[in-house]
Amino acid sequence: MSDGMRPRRSVSATPRSDASSSVPDAQIPVAEPAVPPAMAPPPPTSPPPPAAPSPATAGRFDGGSGRKPVQPAQPKQPKQSENPVRIVPKPIQPARLPIDVHFERIRLLFLAAVMVPLCIWASFPSWESMLYEWYHTDDYSHGFLVIPATILFLCMRMDTYPGTRYKLDWIGLFPIFIYGVLRIFAGIRYMDPLDMVAIWFWMLSVVWFFYGSRVFLWALPSLCFLIFMFQLPWRVDVLMKNHLQYFAAHFAAVLLQIMGEAAVPIKNTIRLSSMELGVEAACSGLRFLMSVFAIAFASVLLLRRPWIQNILILAVAAPLALFVNATRIAITGILLEHYYESVARWTAEGQSVGVVADAFAGKVAIFLALGLFALFIWYLGKVFRKVEI
């Protein structure tokens, strides 16, 4: 140009094709900048599967019906008491020792051949007096059966025998010390019954010394039965007979009155309508009392009942003996009052009608005592039953 200015260079635009010209600028894809591999985002992971519904929440909605299902009933938990029951373990029983039959036989033969004759020789006056009382006194005629019954009780309890012990127990000599003291005191005071009781301590000492404490405790209940072979002291015997005579007369009079008889007790005599019935010392009931006590003690050893039943069996012995003795006197009175001629026909020459009637009533009383005692034991078995829980 002539104006002196350099002319502008015209820039030609890049030619566009028809296709690119028809697409707007906003729709043109723009290449994104390259990202290094270290900074690349993690690939998308698939979502975890839905958890299975728990039994408590299963069936919360019933297919979209809009009703809430019934929740399952939960079991009731037992209430814990504040004072729980404590189970007390049973004490461990000592194990039974084995039984040496050969040794037991040798020891038993030694005791029978040596210790028994020695006991008879040491207390011969006492044995002689006891045999005399057993043979001549009706109240102690059961003494002949005491020692055999004791041996029988020991044999019947052999299933619980503690076992053989070979060593001697020197503590078992203590009862023989008591035996010596009683013998000396009885000799000074002239007390024959005390001299007889000393024999019992001799027997206890022999068993304890040769067999040991365990066998001694096992045999002690049976050895206590030997007490029934000794007679009571004279003063105790007289006092008991006097009181038992008075009680038997009045109790028998009450029974006769219950049966419709006109009976009036006057001290130890019962006055009937046509006669008087005297209750002698032999009819006091001491023999029945001792016999029933012996039967009760034997029942305790043989039946092996619980301790409460054993106490009841021993406690009922005295009332049962007194009732049976009064019944015997009442039966004698009825026989002499209404059946005197019939009893006289069965009376031999030289015998008294009253003695025969009393002997017959005594036999009836024995069976009555045994029957009532067996009935009482049967009743205890029905009352105290074993219940399994």
Protein backbone atom coordinates (compact mmCIF):
# COMPACT_ATOMS: atom_id res chain seq x y z
CA MET A 1 0.00 0.00 0.00
CA SER A 2 1.04 3.54 -0.51
CA ASP A 3 0.42 4.74 3.06
CA GLY A 4 3.78 3.22 4.11
CA MET A 5 2.31 0.62 6.38
CA ARG A 6 3.17 -2.98 5.95
CA PRO A 7 0.20 -4.85 4.76
CA ARG A 8 -1.40 -7.62 6.91
CA ARG A 9 -0.88 -11.24 5.89
CA SER A 10 -4.18 -12.95 5.46
CA VAL A 11 -4.50 -16.26 7.24
CA SER A 12 -6.55 -18.72 5.51
CA ALA A 13 -8.92 -20.76 7.68
CA THR A 14 -8.68 -24.43 7.70
CA PRO A 15 -11.26 -25.87 5.57
CA ARG A 16 -13.97 -27.93 7.33
CA SER A 17 -15.66 -30.81 5.97
CA ASP A 18 -19.36 -31.06 5.64
CA ALA A 19 -19.78 -33.48 8.43
CA SER A 20 -17.83 -31.55 11.00
CA SER A 21 -19.55 -28.40 10.08
CA SER A 22 -22.90 -29.84 10.86
CA VAL A 23 -21.99 -30.97 14.46
CA PRO A 24 -22.11 -28.32 17.23
CA ASP A 25 -19.01 -27.62 19.30
CA ALA A 26 -20.53 -28.86 22.56
CA GLN A 27 -20.92 -32.34 21.16
CA ILE A 28 -17.35 -32.73 20.02
CA PRO A 29 -15.60 -35.31 22.26
CA VAL A 30 -12.59 -34.04 24.10
CA ALA A 31 -9.79 -36.48 24.90
CA GLU A 32 -9.12 -36.79 28.64
CA PRO A 33 -5.55 -36.58 29.85
CA ALA A 34 -3.83 -39.92 30.49
CA VAL A 35 -3.66 -41.01 34.14
CA PRO A 36 -0.70 -43.05 35.34
CA PRO A 37 -1.44 -46.67 36.44
CA ALA A 38 -0.58 -46.01 40.05
CA MET A 39 -3.30 -43.39 40.42
CA ALA A 40 -5.96 -45.34 38.59
CA PRO A 41 -9.16 -45.91 40.67
CA PRO A 42 -9.94 -49.50 41.72
CA PRO A 43 -12.28 -51.41 39.53
CA PRO A 44 -15.85 -51.41 40.70
CA THR A 45 -16.79 -54.44 42.79
CA SER A 46 -20.11 -56.21 42.79
CA PRO A 47 -22.37 -55.54 45.82
CA PRO A 48 -22.43 -58.31 48.51
CA PRO A 49 -25.40 -60.67 48.48
CA PRO A 50 -28.15 -59.85 50.93
CA ALA A 51 -27.87 -61.66 54.30
CA ALA A 52 -30.33 -64.38 55.08
CA PRO A 53 -33.04 -63.25 57.49
CA SER A 54 -32.69 -64.49 61.07
CA PRO A 55 -35.36 -66.81 62.55
CA ALA A 56 -36.51 -64.01 64.81
CA THR A 57 -37.11 -61.61 61.86
CA ALA A 58 -38.16 -64.21 59.29
CA GLY A 59 -41.63 -63.65 57.97
CA ARG A 60 -41.80 -60.10 59.33
CA PHE A 61 -43.91 -59.12 56.35
CA ASP A 62 -46.18 -61.56 54.68
CA GLY A 63 -45.61 -60.94 50.93
CA GLY A 64 -46.51 -57.30 51.19
CA SER A 65 -49.95 -58.03 52.58
CA GLY A 66 -49.42 -55.44 55.25
CA ARG A 67 -50.10 -57.78 58.18
CA LYS A 68 -47.52 -58.39 60.84
CA PRO A 69 -46.93 -62.09 61.47
CA VAL A 70 -47.31 -63.59 64.93
CA GLN A 71 -44.00 -63.70 66.76
CA PRO A 72 -43.00 -67.20 67.93
CA ALA A 73 -43.56 -67.75 71.66
CA GLN A 74 -40.36 -67.72 73.65
CA PRO A 75 -39.96 -70.46 76.30
CA LYS A 76 -40.32 -69.22 79.82
CA GLN A 77 -37.12 -69.24 81.77
CA PRO A 78 -37.41 -70.72 85.27
CA LYS A 79 -37.00 -68.23 88.01
CA GLN A 80 -33.86 -68.69 90.00
CA SER A 81 -34.57 -68.82 93.67
CA GLU A 82 -32.52 -66.75 96.02
CA ASN A 83 -31.74 -69.79 98.17
CA PRO A 84 -30.85 -72.62 95.81
CA VAL A 85 -31.02 -76.15 97.12
CA ARG A 86 -27.63 -77.45 98.07
CA ILE A 87 -26.90 -81.08 97.42
CA VAL A 88 -24.87 -82.35 100.34
CA PRO A 89 -22.72 -85.29 99.35
CA LYS A 90 -23.10 -88.41 101.42
CA PRO A 91 -20.17 -89.29 103.64
CA ILE A 92 -17.92 -91.88 102.18
CA GLN A 93 -18.35 -95.15 104.03
CA PRO A 94 -15.16 -97.02 104.85
CA ALA A 95 -14.57 -99.93 102.54
CA ARG A 96 -15.18 -103.38 103.97
CA LEU A 97 -12.12 -105.50 104.50
CA PRO A 98 -11.94 -108.99 103.00
CA ILE A 99 -12.97 -111.89 105.22
CA ASP A 100 -10.37 -114.55 105.98
CA VAL A 101 -12.55 -117.56 106.74
CA HIS A 102 -9.69 -119.78 107.90
CA PHE A 103 -8.35 -117.16 110.31
CA GLU A 104 -11.83 -116.36 111.61
CA ARG A 105 -12.46 -120.02 112.44
CA ILE A 106 -9.17 -120.38 114.29
CA ARG A 107 -9.84 -117.23 116.32
CA LEU A 108 -13.39 -118.32 117.15
CA LEU A 109 -12.19 -121.73 118.30
CA PHE A 110 -9.57 -120.06 120.50
CA LEU A 111 -12.19 -117.86 122.15
CA ALA A 112 -14.56 -120.79 122.70
CA ALA A 113 -11.82 -123.04 124.12
CA VAL A 114 -9.92 -120.52 126.24
CA MET A 115 -11.80 -117.28 126.92
CA VAL A 116 -15.26 -118.73 127.62
CA PRO A 117 -14.01 -121.21 130.29
CA LEU A 118 -11.86 -118.42 131.76
CA CYS A 119 -14.92 -116.13 132.03
CA ILE A 120 -16.97 -118.89 133.72
CA TRP A 121 -14.14 -119.64 136.15
CA ALA A 122 -13.59 -115.95 137.04
CA SER A 123 -17.30 -115.31 137.72
CA PHE A 124 -18.52 -118.75 138.72
CA PRO A 125 -20.65 -117.56 141.73
CA SER A 126 -22.47 -115.10 139.48
CA TRP A 127 -23.16 -117.72 136.82
CA GLU A 128 -24.44 -120.11 139.49
CA SER A 129 -26.80 -117.45 140.88
CA MET A 130 -28.12 -116.59 137.40
CA LEU A 131 -28.83 -120.21 136.56
CA TYR A 132 -30.73 -120.60 139.82
CA GLU A 133 -32.90 -117.54 139.07
CA TRP A 134 -33.58 -118.70 135.51
CA TYR A 135 -34.76 -122.08 136.71
CA HIS A 136 -36.78 -121.13 139.82
CA THR A 137 -38.11 -117.63 139.06
CA ASP A 138 -40.74 -117.20 136.40
CA ASP A 139 -39.89 -113.53 135.86
CA TYR A 140 -36.41 -114.47 134.58
CA SER A 141 -37.11 -117.81 132.93
CA HIS A 142 -36.30 -116.25 129.56
CA GLY A 143 -32.62 -116.09 130.56
CA PHE A 144 -31.92 -119.48 128.99
CA LEU A 145 -32.78 -118.06 125.55
CA VAL A 146 -30.75 -114.85 125.73
CA ILE A 147 -27.30 -116.19 124.81
CA PRO A 148 -28.55 -118.40 121.91
CA ALA A 149 -30.63 -115.49 120.62
CA THR A 150 -27.59 -113.19 120.69
CA ILE A 151 -25.55 -115.69 118.66
CA LEU A 152 -28.44 -115.96 116.21
CA PHE A 153 -28.61 -112.17 115.79
CA LEU A 154 -24.88 -112.02 115.03
CA CYS A 155 -25.18 -114.78 112.43
CA MET A 156 -28.11 -113.09 110.72
CA ARG A 157 -26.14 -109.84 110.40
CA MET A 158 -23.07 -111.41 108.82
CA ASP A 159 -23.87 -109.74 105.50
CA THR A 160 -22.65 -106.47 107.04
CA TYR A 161 -19.55 -107.90 108.73
CA PRO A 162 -16.74 -105.28 108.48
CA GLY A 163 -14.03 -107.81 107.63
CA THR A 164 -11.04 -109.54 109.20
CA ARG A 165 -8.53 -107.56 111.24
CA TYR A 166 -5.36 -109.32 112.28
CA LYS A 167 -3.99 -106.86 114.84
CA LEU A 168 -5.04 -106.69 118.48
CA ASP A 169 -6.72 -103.51 119.70
CA TRP A 170 -5.20 -102.66 123.07
CA ILE A 171 -7.81 -99.98 123.72
CA GLY A 172 -10.26 -102.86 124.07
CA LEU A 173 -8.79 -103.66 127.49
CA PHE A 174 -10.62 -100.64 128.97
CA PRO A 175 -13.92 -102.56 129.56
CA ILE A 176 -12.03 -105.28 131.44
CA PHE A 177 -10.75 -102.54 133.75
CA ILE A 178 -14.39 -101.61 134.45
CA TYR A 179 -15.05 -105.32 135.05
CA GLY A 180 -12.39 -105.43 137.76
CA VAL A 181 -13.68 -102.26 139.46
CA LEU A 182 -17.25 -103.59 139.53
CA ARG A 183 -16.12 -106.94 140.93
CA ILE A 184 -14.23 -105.26 143.77
CA PHE A 185 -17.07 -102.84 144.59
CA ALA A 186 -19.68 -105.64 144.47
CA GLY A 187 -17.56 -107.78 146.80
CA ILE A 188 -17.21 -104.96 149.33
CA ARG A 189 -20.93 -104.02 149.25
CA TYR A 190 -22.25 -107.60 148.83
CA MET A 191 -24.13 -106.63 145.67
CA ASP A 192 -24.61 -109.80 143.67
CA PRO A 193 -26.53 -108.15 140.75
CA LEU A 194 -23.63 -105.75 140.19
CA ASP A 195 -21.26 -108.71 140.14
CA MET A 196 -23.43 -110.26 137.40
CA VAL A 197 -23.43 -107.11 135.28
CA ALA A 198 -19.62 -107.11 135.37
CA ILE A 199 -19.70 -110.23 133.16
CA TRP A 200 -21.13 -108.11 130.36
CA PHE A 201 -18.08 -105.83 130.40
CA TRP A 202 -15.85 -108.92 130.21
CA MET A 203 -17.61 -109.96 127.00
CA LEU A 204 -17.31 -106.46 125.52
CA SER A 205 -13.59 -106.39 126.26
CA VAL A 206 -12.97 -109.78 124.63
CA VAL A 207 -14.72 -108.75 121.40
CA TRP A 208 -13.03 -105.34 121.27
CA PHE A 209 -9.55 -106.62 122.05
CA PHE A 210 -9.48 -109.56 119.63
CA TYR A 211 -11.60 -108.17 116.76
CA GLY A 212 -10.97 -104.42 116.76
CA SER A 213 -13.15 -101.35 117.08
CA ARG A 214 -15.01 -101.77 113.77
CA VAL A 215 -16.22 -105.28 114.57
CA PHE A 216 -16.96 -104.19 118.14
CA LEU A 217 -19.29 -101.41 116.94
CA TRP A 218 -20.90 -103.82 114.50
CA ALA A 219 -21.60 -106.40 117.25
CA LEU A 220 -22.53 -103.92 119.99
CA PRO A 221 -26.33 -103.86 119.31
CA SER A 222 -26.46 -107.66 119.54
CA LEU A 223 -24.27 -107.69 122.64
CA CYS A 224 -26.64 -105.25 124.34
CA PHE A 225 -29.30 -107.96 124.16
CA LEU A 226 -27.28 -109.89 126.78
CA ILE A 227 -28.50 -107.42 129.42
CA PHE A 228 -31.85 -109.28 129.55
CA MET A 229 -30.21 -112.33 131.14
CA PHE A 230 -29.33 -110.40 134.34
CA GLN A 231 -31.78 -110.04 137.18
CA LEU A 232 -32.72 -106.68 138.63
CA PRO A 233 -31.38 -105.60 142.02
CA TRP A 234 -33.56 -106.81 144.89
CA ARG A 235 -34.71 -103.33 145.93
CA VAL A 236 -35.58 -102.33 142.36
CA ASP A 237 -37.38 -105.64 141.84
CA VAL A 238 -39.54 -105.20 144.96
CA LEU A 239 -40.43 -101.58 144.20
CA MET A 240 -41.37 -102.38 140.60
CA LYS A 241 -43.54 -105.32 141.63
CA ASN A 242 -45.42 -103.23 144.22
CA HIS A 243 -46.23 -100.50 141.73
CA LEU A 244 -47.07 -102.96 138.97
CA GLN A 245 -49.44 -104.89 141.31
CA TYR A 246 -51.39 -101.74 142.14
CA PHE A 247 -51.58 -100.65 138.49
CA ALA A 248 -52.56 -104.13 137.25
CA ALA A 249 -55.40 -104.42 139.81
CA HIS A 250 -56.93 -101.06 138.90
CA PHE A 251 -56.46 -101.49 135.15
CA ALA A 252 -57.99 -105.00 135.23
CA ALA A 253 -60.95 -103.65 137.23
CA VAL A 254 -61.56 -101.03 134.54
CA LEU A 255 -61.53 -103.72 131.85
CA LEU A 256 -63.98 -105.83 133.86
CA GLN A 257 -66.27 -102.83 134.26
CA ILE A 258 -66.15 -102.22 130.50
CA MET A 259 -67.27 -105.84 129.98
CA GLY A 260 -70.21 -105.30 132.36
CA GLU A 261 -68.84 -106.87 135.53
CA ALA A 262 -69.26 -105.38 138.99
CA ALA A 263 -65.59 -104.94 139.86
CA VAL A 264 -64.22 -102.66 142.58
CA PRO A 265 -60.42 -102.30 143.04
CA ILE A 266 -59.19 -102.13 146.64
CA LYS A 267 -55.40 -101.75 146.73
CA ASN A 268 -54.09 -104.99 145.16
CA THR A 269 -57.46 -106.78 145.29
CA ILE A 270 -60.43 -106.77 142.92
CA ARG A 271 -63.80 -107.36 144.58
CA LEU A 272 -66.29 -109.07 142.28
CA SER A 273 -69.95 -109.88 142.91
CA SER A 274 -69.31 -113.31 144.42
CA MET A 275 -65.58 -113.41 145.17
CA GLU A 276 -62.38 -111.43 145.65
CA LEU A 277 -59.50 -111.69 143.19
CA GLY A 278 -56.09 -110.92 144.65
CA VAL A 279 -53.24 -109.75 142.42
CA GLU A 280 -50.13 -111.42 143.80
CA ALA A 281 -46.53 -110.40 143.19
CA ALA A 282 -46.22 -113.11 140.54
CA CYS A 283 -49.11 -111.47 138.66
CA SER A 284 -47.60 -107.98 138.76
CA GLY A 285 -46.59 -108.12 135.11
CA LEU A 286 -42.82 -107.89 135.50
CA ARG A 287 -42.35 -111.07 133.50
CA PHE A 288 -44.53 -109.72 130.67
CA LEU A 289 -42.64 -106.44 130.79
CA MET A 290 -39.24 -108.11 130.44
CA SER A 291 -40.47 -110.51 127.76
CA VAL A 292 -42.10 -107.82 125.62
CA PHE A 293 -39.02 -105.61 125.91
CA ALA A 294 -36.88 -108.53 124.77
CA ILE A 295 -39.18 -109.12 121.79
CA ALA A 296 -39.10 -105.41 120.89
CA PHE A 297 -35.31 -105.29 121.06
CA ALA A 298 -35.05 -108.41 118.93
CA SER A 299 -37.40 -106.85 116.37
CA VAL A 300 -35.19 -103.77 116.16
CA LEU A 301 -32.13 -105.93 115.48
CA LEU A 302 -33.77 -108.16 112.89
CA LEU A 303 -36.03 -105.76 110.98
CA ARG A 304 -33.41 -102.99 110.56
CA ARG A 305 -36.00 -100.24 110.33
CA PRO A 306 -35.16 -96.49 110.36
CA TRP A 307 -34.26 -95.00 113.72
CA ILE A 308 -37.64 -93.30 114.22
CA GLN A 309 -39.43 -96.63 113.86
CA ASN A 310 -36.99 -98.33 116.23
CA ILE A 311 -37.72 -95.70 118.88
CA LEU A 312 -41.47 -96.21 118.45
CA ILE A 313 -41.12 -99.99 118.68
CA LEU A 314 -39.19 -99.74 121.95
CA ALA A 315 -41.56 -97.08 123.32
CA VAL A 316 -44.70 -99.16 122.76
CA ALA A 317 -43.27 -102.18 124.60
CA ALA A 318 -44.12 -100.98 128.14
CA PRO A 319 -47.76 -99.92 127.50
CA LEU A 320 -48.38 -103.11 125.53
CA ALA A 321 -47.00 -105.28 128.35
CA LEU A 322 -49.14 -103.52 130.99
CA PHE A 323 -52.29 -103.83 128.87
CA VAL A 324 -51.72 -107.52 128.17
CA ASN A 325 -51.10 -108.27 131.85
CA ALA A 326 -54.28 -106.46 132.88
CA THR A 327 -56.19 -108.40 130.22
CA ARG A 328 -54.83 -111.64 131.64
CA ILE A 329 -56.13 -110.75 135.11
CA ALA A 330 -59.51 -109.77 133.68
CA ILE A 331 -59.80 -113.10 131.81
CA THR A 332 -58.93 -114.95 135.02
CA GLY A 333 -61.65 -113.08 136.89
CA ILE A 334 -64.28 -113.90 134.26
CA LEU A 335 -63.33 -117.60 134.29
CA LEU A 336 -63.59 -117.81 138.07
CA GLU A 337 -66.80 -115.74 138.22
CA HIS A 338 -68.84 -117.44 135.48
CA TYR A 339 -67.05 -120.66 134.48
CA TYR A 340 -65.79 -121.97 137.81
CA GLU A 341 -67.31 -125.44 137.40
CA SER A 342 -65.98 -125.84 133.85
CA VAL A 343 -62.46 -124.94 134.96
CA ALA A 344 -62.74 -127.31 137.93
CA ARG A 345 -63.32 -130.23 135.56
CA TRP A 346 -59.96 -129.59 133.90
CA THR A 347 -58.19 -129.20 137.22
CA ALA A 348 -56.06 -132.14 138.30
CA GLU A 349 -55.89 -133.38 141.85
CA GLY A 350 -53.70 -131.26 144.05
CA GLN A 351 -54.07 -128.17 141.88
CA SER A 352 -56.03 -125.02 142.56
CA VAL A 353 -58.78 -123.83 140.24
CA GLY A 354 -57.39 -120.30 140.36
CA VAL A 355 -53.94 -121.51 139.26
CA VAL A 356 -55.39 -123.40 136.29
CA ALA A 357 -57.50 -120.39 135.25
CA ASP A 358 -54.50 -118.08 135.55
CA ALA A 359 -52.34 -120.45 133.48
CA PHE A 360 -54.95 -120.57 130.72
CA ALA A 361 -55.30 -116.77 130.75
CA GLY A 362 -51.52 -116.45 130.60
CA LYS A 363 -51.34 -118.49 127.40
CA VAL A 364 -54.05 -116.37 125.84
CA ALA A 365 -52.16 -113.24 126.88
CA ILE A 366 -48.96 -114.45 125.21
CA PHE A 367 -50.68 -114.87 121.84
CA LEU A 368 -52.45 -111.54 122.35
CA ALA A 369 -49.14 -109.77 123.00
CA LEU A 370 -47.49 -111.28 119.94
CA GLY A 371 -50.50 -110.44 117.76
CA LEU A 372 -50.73 -106.83 118.92
CA PHE A 373 -47.01 -106.34 118.54
CA ALA A 374 -47.01 -107.76 115.00
CA LEU A 375 -50.02 -105.57 114.16
CA PHE A 376 -48.18 -102.47 115.41
CA ILE A 377 -45.08 -103.26 113.32
CA TRP A 378 -47.30 -103.82 110.25
CA TYR A 379 -48.97 -100.45 110.90
CA LEU A 380 -45.59 -98.71 111.08
CA GLY A 381 -44.67 -100.25 107.73
CA LYS A 382 -47.84 -98.78 106.20
CA VAL A 383 -47.35 -95.33 107.71
CA PHE A 384 -43.65 -94.92 106.94
CA ARG A 385 -43.41 -95.83 103.27
CA LYS A 386 -40.46 -95.37 100.94
CA VAL A 387 -41.30 -92.84 98.23
CA GLU A 388 -39.07 -92.44 95.17
CA ILE A 389 -38.71 -88.82 94.04
